[in-house]
Structures are given as C-alpha cells and as structure tokens.
C-alpha cells in the first residue's frame, strides 16, 4: 500500500500515479500539503 513519504498517511495508487514521481513515490499528500502545491507537482519531489 502506498504511503506519503512526508507524513506517512495512506494514499491511493491512483494518487501516486497522478501526483507522484516515476517510481510511484509521493513526498506530500492532501493531509500535509496545500492543494495548490500538489497541483504544482511538489509532491513528486523530496523536500530537503
């Protein structure tokens, strides 16, 4: 089951497909990131 790498919340496989990187990883989700940031693609990039 996919999880958010930032907060550990469950995310669906569809969420990782849309908002994640090519390895189906997400570094932000609707629990820990603003919707605008998700749309901008920030969930696909690890934060420093």
Protein backbone atom coordinates (compact mmCIF):
# COMPACT_ATOMS: atom_id res chain seq x y z
CA UNK A 1 0.00 0.00 0.00
CA UNK A 2 1.41 3.40 -0.91
CA UNK A 3 2.09 5.94 1.81
CA UNK A 4 3.09 9.58 1.81
CA UNK A 5 6.83 9.84 2.42
CA UNK A 6 6.33 13.13 4.27
CA UNK A 7 3.62 12.34 6.83
CA UNK A 8 3.05 8.58 6.45
CA UNK A 9 -0.64 8.86 5.55
CA UNK A 10 -2.19 6.30 3.23
CA UNK A 11 -2.56 7.43 -0.38
CA UNK A 12 -4.19 5.51 -3.19
CA UNK A 13 -2.30 4.06 -6.12
CA UNK A 14 -4.21 6.50 -8.35
CA UNK A 15 -2.92 9.39 -6.22
CA UNK A 16 0.69 8.21 -6.63
CA UNK A 17 0.16 7.76 -10.36
CA UNK A 18 -1.11 11.32 -10.76
CA UNK A 19 0.94 13.26 -8.20
CA UNK A 20 3.98 11.02 -7.64
CA UNK A 21 7.26 10.51 -9.44
CA UNK A 22 8.14 7.74 -11.90
CA UNK A 23 8.78 5.31 -9.02
CA UNK A 24 5.24 5.86 -7.64
CA UNK A 25 6.56 7.75 -4.62
CA UNK A 26 4.92 10.87 -3.18
CA UNK A 27 6.52 13.39 -0.86
CA UNK A 28 3.31 15.15 0.11
CA UNK A 29 -0.42 14.47 0.16
CA UNK A 30 -3.70 16.22 0.91
CA UNK A 31 -3.05 15.71 4.65
CA UNK A 32 0.27 17.58 4.78
CA UNK A 33 0.41 19.76 1.67
CA UNK A 34 -1.78 22.51 0.26
CA UNK A 35 -3.82 21.62 -2.83
CA UNK A 36 -2.04 24.31 -4.85
CA UNK A 37 1.32 22.69 -4.08
CA UNK A 38 0.02 19.30 -5.20
CA UNK A 39 -1.15 20.82 -8.49
CA UNK A 40 2.28 22.45 -8.96
CA UNK A 41 3.91 19.00 -8.78
CA UNK A 42 5.67 19.48 -5.45
CA UNK A 43 4.54 16.05 -4.17
CA UNK A 44 6.82 14.34 -6.69
CA UNK A 45 9.99 15.94 -5.32
CA UNK A 46 11.61 15.13 -1.97
CA UNK A 47 12.00 18.13 0.28
CA UNK A 48 15.42 18.89 1.67
